[in-house]
Amino acid sequence: MINNKSKKYEIKANKDEANSSTRAKIVLIIFGIGPILLMGLFLFSNGFFSAPNL
């Protein structure tokens, strides 16, 4: 009976680790790539990437 309870807790701990790793990846994408995309949009809207008029 004690073994059944410990196995349930181990399974629950594994699910929590999977959720936290997925959450970590989502946060990394949002806060890592998001600002770079926003900076690129800002520079593009201000004409930074357009060819100079000679």
PDB file of N, CA and C in Angstrom:
ATOM      1  N   MET A   1       0.809  -1.195   0.000  1.00  0.00           N
ATOM      2  CA  MET A   1       0.000   0.000   0.000  1.00  0.00           C
ATOM      3  C   MET A   1       0.856   1.265   0.000  1.00  0.00           C
ATOM      4  N   ILE A   2       1.949   1.228   0.692  1.00  0.00           N
ATOM      5  CA  ILE A   2       2.845   2.385   0.722  1.00  0.00           C
ATOM      6  C   ILE A   2       3.459   2.601  -0.657  1.00  0.00           C
ATOM      7  N   ASN A   3       3.782   1.520  -1.361  1.00  0.00           N
ATOM      8  CA  ASN A   3       4.383   1.632  -2.683  1.00  0.00           C
ATOM      9  C   ASN A   3       3.436   2.287  -3.682  1.00  0.00           C
ATOM     10  N   ASN A   4       2.141   2.015  -3.579  1.00  0.00           N
ATOM     11  CA  ASN A   4       1.184   2.617  -4.499  1.00  0.00           C
ATOM     12  C   ASN A   4       1.147   4.130  -4.332  1.00  0.00           C
ATOM     13  N   LYS A   5       1.186   4.600  -3.109  1.00  0.00           N
ATOM     14  CA  LYS A   5       1.157   6.047  -2.874  1.00  0.00           C
ATOM     15  C   LYS A   5       2.420   6.711  -3.406  1.00  0.00           C
ATOM     16  N   SER A   6       3.567   6.091  -3.197  1.00  0.00           N
ATOM     17  CA  SER A   6       4.813   6.695  -3.664  1.00  0.00           C
ATOM     18  C   SER A   6       4.849   6.740  -5.189  1.00  0.00           C
ATOM     19  N   LYS A   7       4.295   5.730  -5.859  1.00  0.00           N
ATOM     20  CA  LYS A   7       4.263   5.743  -7.317  1.00  0.00           C
ATOM     21  C   LYS A   7       3.357   6.856  -7.832  1.00  0.00           C
ATOM     22  N   LYS A   8       2.255   7.091  -7.167  1.00  0.00           N
ATOM     23  CA  LYS A   8       1.356   8.166  -7.581  1.00  0.00           C
ATOM     24  C   LYS A   8       2.050   9.513  -7.481  1.00  0.00           C
ATOM     25  N   TYR A   9       2.807   9.712  -6.416  1.00  0.00           N
ATOM     26  CA  TYR A   9       3.516  10.982  -6.250  1.00  0.00           C
ATOM     27  C   TYR A   9       4.620  11.136  -7.288  1.00  0.00           C
ATOM     28  N   GLU A  10       5.279  10.030  -7.644  1.00  0.00           N
ATOM     29  CA  GLU A  10       6.317  10.099  -8.668  1.00  0.00           C
ATOM     30  C   GLU A  10       5.726  10.466 -10.019  1.00  0.00           C
ATOM     31  N   ILE A  11       4.578   9.889 -10.355  1.00  0.00           N
ATOM     32  CA  ILE A  11       3.926  10.196 -11.628  1.00  0.00           C
ATOM     33  C   ILE A  11       3.500  11.668 -11.646  1.00  0.00           C
ATOM     34  N   LYS A  12       2.970  12.150 -10.541  1.00  0.00           N
ATOM     35  CA  LYS A  12       2.548  13.541 -10.478  1.00  0.00           C
ATOM     36  C   LYS A  12       3.743  14.476 -10.604  1.00  0.00           C
ATOM     37  N   ALA A  13       4.869  14.119  -9.999  1.00  0.00           N
ATOM     38  CA  ALA A  13       6.071  14.946 -10.087  1.00  0.00           C
ATOM     39  C   ALA A  13       6.571  14.994 -11.530  1.00  0.00           C
ATOM     40  N   ASN A  14       6.505  13.868 -12.251  1.00  0.00           N
ATOM     41  CA  ASN A  14       6.944  13.857 -13.642  1.00  0.00           C
ATOM     42  C   ASN A  14       6.062  14.752 -14.508  1.00  0.00           C
ATOM     43  N   LYS A  15       4.767  14.758 -14.259  1.00  0.00           N
ATOM     44  CA  LYS A  15       3.867  15.631 -15.021  1.00  0.00           C
ATOM     45  C   LYS A  15       4.169  17.094 -14.744  1.00  0.00           C
ATOM     46  N   ASP A  16       4.460  17.443 -13.500  1.00  0.00           N
ATOM     47  CA  ASP A  16       4.800  18.818 -13.161  1.00  0.00           C
ATOM     48  C   ASP A  16       6.079  19.257 -13.854  1.00  0.00           C
ATOM     49  N   GLU A  17       7.066  18.369 -13.936  1.00  0.00           N
ATOM     50  CA  GLU A  17       8.313  18.702 -14.616  1.00  0.00           C
ATOM     51  C   GLU A  17       8.067  18.928 -16.104  1.00  0.00           C
ATOM     52  N   ALA A  18       7.194  18.137 -16.720  1.00  0.00           N
ATOM     53  CA  ALA A  18       6.887  18.303 -18.136  1.00  0.00           C
ATOM     54  C   ALA A  18       6.176  19.626 -18.365  1.00  0.00           C
ATOM     55  N   ASN A  19       5.256  19.981 -17.476  1.00  0.00           N
ATOM     56  CA  ASN A  19       4.545  21.251 -17.617  1.00  0.00           C
ATOM     57  C   ASN A  19       5.486  22.418 -17.436  1.00  0.00           C
ATOM     58  N   SER A  20       6.399  22.332 -16.487  1.00  0.00           N
ATOM     59  CA  SER A  20       7.305  23.445 -16.247  1.00  0.00           C
ATOM     60  C   SER A  20       8.287  23.604 -17.411  1.00  0.00           C
ATOM     61  N   SER A  21       8.716  22.505 -18.029  1.00  0.00           N
ATOM     62  CA  SER A  21       9.630  22.630 -19.168  1.00  0.00           C
ATOM     63  C   SER A  21       8.906  23.219 -20.370  1.00  0.00           C
ATOM     64  N   THR A  22       7.646  22.846 -20.564  1.00  0.00           N
ATOM     65  CA  THR A  22       6.872  23.425 -21.656  1.00  0.00           C
ATOM     66  C   THR A  22       6.638  24.906 -21.406  1.00  0.00           C
ATOM     67  N   ARG A  23       6.317  25.239 -20.178  1.00  0.00           N
ATOM     68  CA  ARG A  23       6.099  26.641 -19.821  1.00  0.00           C
ATOM     69  C   ARG A  23       7.386  27.442 -19.989  1.00  0.00           C
ATOM     70  N   ALA A  24       8.514  26.856 -19.654  1.00  0.00           N
ATOM     71  CA  ALA A  24       9.798  27.536 -19.807  1.00  0.00           C
ATOM     72  C   ALA A  24      10.095  27.814 -21.282  1.00  0.00           C
ATOM     73  N   LYS A  25       9.769  26.870 -22.148  1.00  0.00           N
ATOM     74  CA  LYS A  25       9.994  27.074 -23.576  1.00  0.00           C
ATOM     75  C   LYS A  25       9.107  28.187 -24.125  1.00  0.00           C
ATOM     76  N   ILE A  26       7.860  28.228 -23.692  1.00  0.00           N
ATOM     77  CA  ILE A  26       6.945  29.270 -24.153  1.00  0.00           C
ATOM     78  C   ILE A  26       7.411  30.640 -23.691  1.00  0.00           C
ATOM     79  N   VAL A  27       7.834  30.729 -22.444  1.00  0.00           N
ATOM     80  CA  VAL A  27       8.323  32.010 -21.913  1.00  0.00           C
ATOM     81  C   VAL A  27       9.576  32.438 -22.654  1.00  0.00           C
ATOM     82  N   LEU A  28      10.459  31.504 -22.946  1.00  0.00           N
ATOM     83  CA  LEU A  28      11.680  31.837 -23.678  1.00  0.00           C
ATOM     84  C   LEU A  28      11.363  32.359 -25.069  1.00  0.00           C
ATOM     85  N   ILE A  29      10.389  31.749 -25.733  1.00  0.00           N
ATOM     86  CA  ILE A  29      10.013  32.212 -27.072  1.00  0.00           C
ATOM     87  C   ILE A  29       9.426  33.614 -27.003  1.00  0.00           C
ATOM     88  N   ILE A  30       8.514  33.850 -26.049  1.00  0.00           N
ATOM     89  CA  ILE A  30       7.846  35.142 -25.962  1.00  0.00           C
ATOM     90  C   ILE A  30       8.828  36.250 -25.601  1.00  0.00           C
ATOM     91  N   PHE A  31       9.623  36.030 -24.564  1.00  0.00           N
ATOM     92  CA  PHE A  31      10.514  37.080 -24.087  1.00  0.00           C
ATOM     93  C   PHE A  31      11.857  37.096 -24.792  1.00  0.00           C
ATOM     94  N   GLY A  32      12.181  36.063 -25.548  1.00  0.00           N
ATOM     95  CA  GLY A  32      13.437  36.026 -26.278  1.00  0.00           C
ATOM     96  C   GLY A  32      13.291  36.512 -27.713  1.00  0.00           C
ATOM     97  N   ILE A  33      12.332  35.961 -28.420  1.00  0.00           N
ATOM     98  CA  ILE A  33      12.158  36.296 -29.835  1.00  0.00           C
ATOM     99  C   ILE A  33      11.236  37.502 -30.008  1.00  0.00           C
ATOM    100  N   GLY A  34      10.285  37.670 -29.111  1.00  0.00           N
ATOM    101  CA  GLY A  34       9.323  38.769 -29.211  1.00  0.00           C
ATOM    102  C   GLY A  34       9.958  40.150 -29.326  1.00  0.00           C
ATOM    103  N   PRO A  35      10.864  40.516 -28.422  1.00  0.00           N
ATOM    104  CA  PRO A  35      11.493  41.839 -28.524  1.00  0.00           C
ATOM    105  C   PRO A  35      12.303  42.025 -29.799  1.00  0.00           C
ATOM    106  N   ILE A  36      12.937  40.955 -30.288  1.00  0.00           N
ATOM    107  CA  ILE A  36      13.700  41.060 -31.533  1.00  0.00           C
ATOM    108  C   ILE A  36      12.759  41.350 -32.701  1.00  0.00           C
ATOM    109  N   LEU A  37      11.615  40.669 -32.735  1.00  0.00           N
ATOM    110  CA  LEU A  37      10.641  40.928 -33.796  1.00  0.00           C
ATOM    111  C   LEU A  37      10.079  42.340 -33.703  1.00  0.00           C
ATOM    112  N   LEU A  38       9.775  42.786 -32.493  1.00  0.00           N
ATOM    113  CA  LEU A  38       9.266  44.151 -32.324  1.00  0.00           C
ATOM    114  C   LEU A  38      10.301  45.189 -32.744  1.00  0.00           C
ATOM    115  N   MET A  39      11.565  44.956 -32.424  1.00  0.00           N
ATOM    116  CA  MET A  39      12.618  45.890 -32.818  1.00  0.00           C
ATOM    117  C   MET A  39      12.745  45.933 -34.343  1.00  0.00           C
ATOM    118  N   GLY A  40      12.672  44.762 -34.985  1.00  0.00           N
ATOM    119  CA  GLY A  40      12.736  44.713 -36.441  1.00  0.00           C
ATOM    120  C   GLY A  40      11.563  45.428 -37.083  1.00  0.00           C
ATOM    121  N   LEU A  41      10.354  45.243 -36.522  1.00  0.00           N
ATOM    122  CA  LEU A  41       9.182  45.962 -37.037  1.00  0.00           C
ATOM    123  C   LEU A  41       9.338  47.471 -36.891  1.00  0.00           C
ATOM    124  N   PHE A  42       9.840  47.900 -35.754  1.00  0.00           N
ATOM    125  CA  PHE A  42      10.045  49.331 -35.523  1.00  0.00           C
ATOM    126  C   PHE A  42      11.046  49.912 -36.516  1.00  0.00           C
ATOM    127  N   LEU A  43      12.165  49.224 -36.705  1.00  0.00           N
ATOM    128  CA  LEU A  43      13.179  49.717 -37.645  1.00  0.00           C
ATOM    129  C   LEU A  43      12.653  49.701 -39.074  1.00  0.00           C
ATOM    130  N   PHE A  44      11.907  48.673 -39.438  1.00  0.00           N
ATOM    131  CA  PHE A  44      11.347  48.591 -40.783  1.00  0.00           C
ATOM    132  C   PHE A  44      10.345  49.717 -41.020  1.00  0.00           C
ATOM    133  N   SER A  45       9.520  50.028 -40.013  1.00  0.00           N
ATOM    134  CA  SER A  45       8.518  51.088 -40.180  1.00  0.00           C
ATOM    135  C   SER A  45       9.161  52.467 -40.267  1.00  0.00           C
ATOM    136  N   ASN A  46      10.364  52.622 -39.721  1.00  0.00           N
ATOM    137  CA  ASN A  46      11.058  53.902 -39.802  1.00  0.00           C
ATOM    138  C   ASN A  46      11.983  54.000 -41.001  1.00  0.00           C
ATOM    139  N   GLY A  47      11.960  52.995 -41.884  1.00  0.00           N
ATOM    140  CA  GLY A  47      12.745  53.044 -43.117  1.00  0.00           C
ATOM    141  C   GLY A  47      14.188  52.648 -42.947  1.00  0.00           C
ATOM    142  N   PHE A  48      14.557  51.958 -41.921  1.00  0.00           N
ATOM    143  CA  PHE A  48      15.948  51.593 -41.679  1.00  0.00           C
ATOM    144  C   PHE A  48      16.468  50.629 -42.736  1.00  0.00           C
ATOM    145  N   PHE A  49      15.609  49.734 -43.252  1.00  0.00           N
ATOM    146  CA  PHE A  49      16.041  48.720 -44.202  1.00  0.00           C
ATOM    147  C   PHE A  49      15.833  49.137 -45.655  1.00  0.00           C
ATOM    148  N   SER A  50      15.346  50.331 -45.904  1.00  0.00           N
ATOM    149  CA  SER A  50      15.141  50.759 -47.285  1.00  0.00           C
ATOM    150  C   SER A  50      16.462  51.286 -47.853  1.00  0.00           C
ATOM    151  N   ALA A  51      16.592  51.160 -49.181  1.00  0.00           N
ATOM    152  CA  ALA A  51      17.805  51.593 -49.849  1.00  0.00           C
ATOM    153  C   ALA A  51      17.873  53.129 -49.842  1.00  0.00           C
ATOM    154  N   PRO A  52      19.050  53.663 -49.663  1.00  0.00           N
ATOM    155  CA  PRO A  52      19.183  55.135 -49.656  1.00  0.00           C
ATOM    156  C   PRO A  52      18.969  55.705 -51.062  1.00  0.00           C
ATOM    157  N   ASN A  53      18.383  56.863 -51.123  1.00  0.00           N
ATOM    158  CA  ASN A  53      18.164  57.554 -52.411  1.00  0.00           C
ATOM    159  C   ASN A  53      19.430  58.322 -52.782  1.00  0.00           C
ATOM    160  N   LEU A  54      20.008  57.940 -53.931  1.00  0.00           N
ATOM    161  CA  LEU A  54      21.229  58.612 -54.368  1.00  0.00           C
ATOM    162  C   LEU A  54      20.957  59.619 -55.441  1.00  0.00           C
TER     163      LEU A  54
END
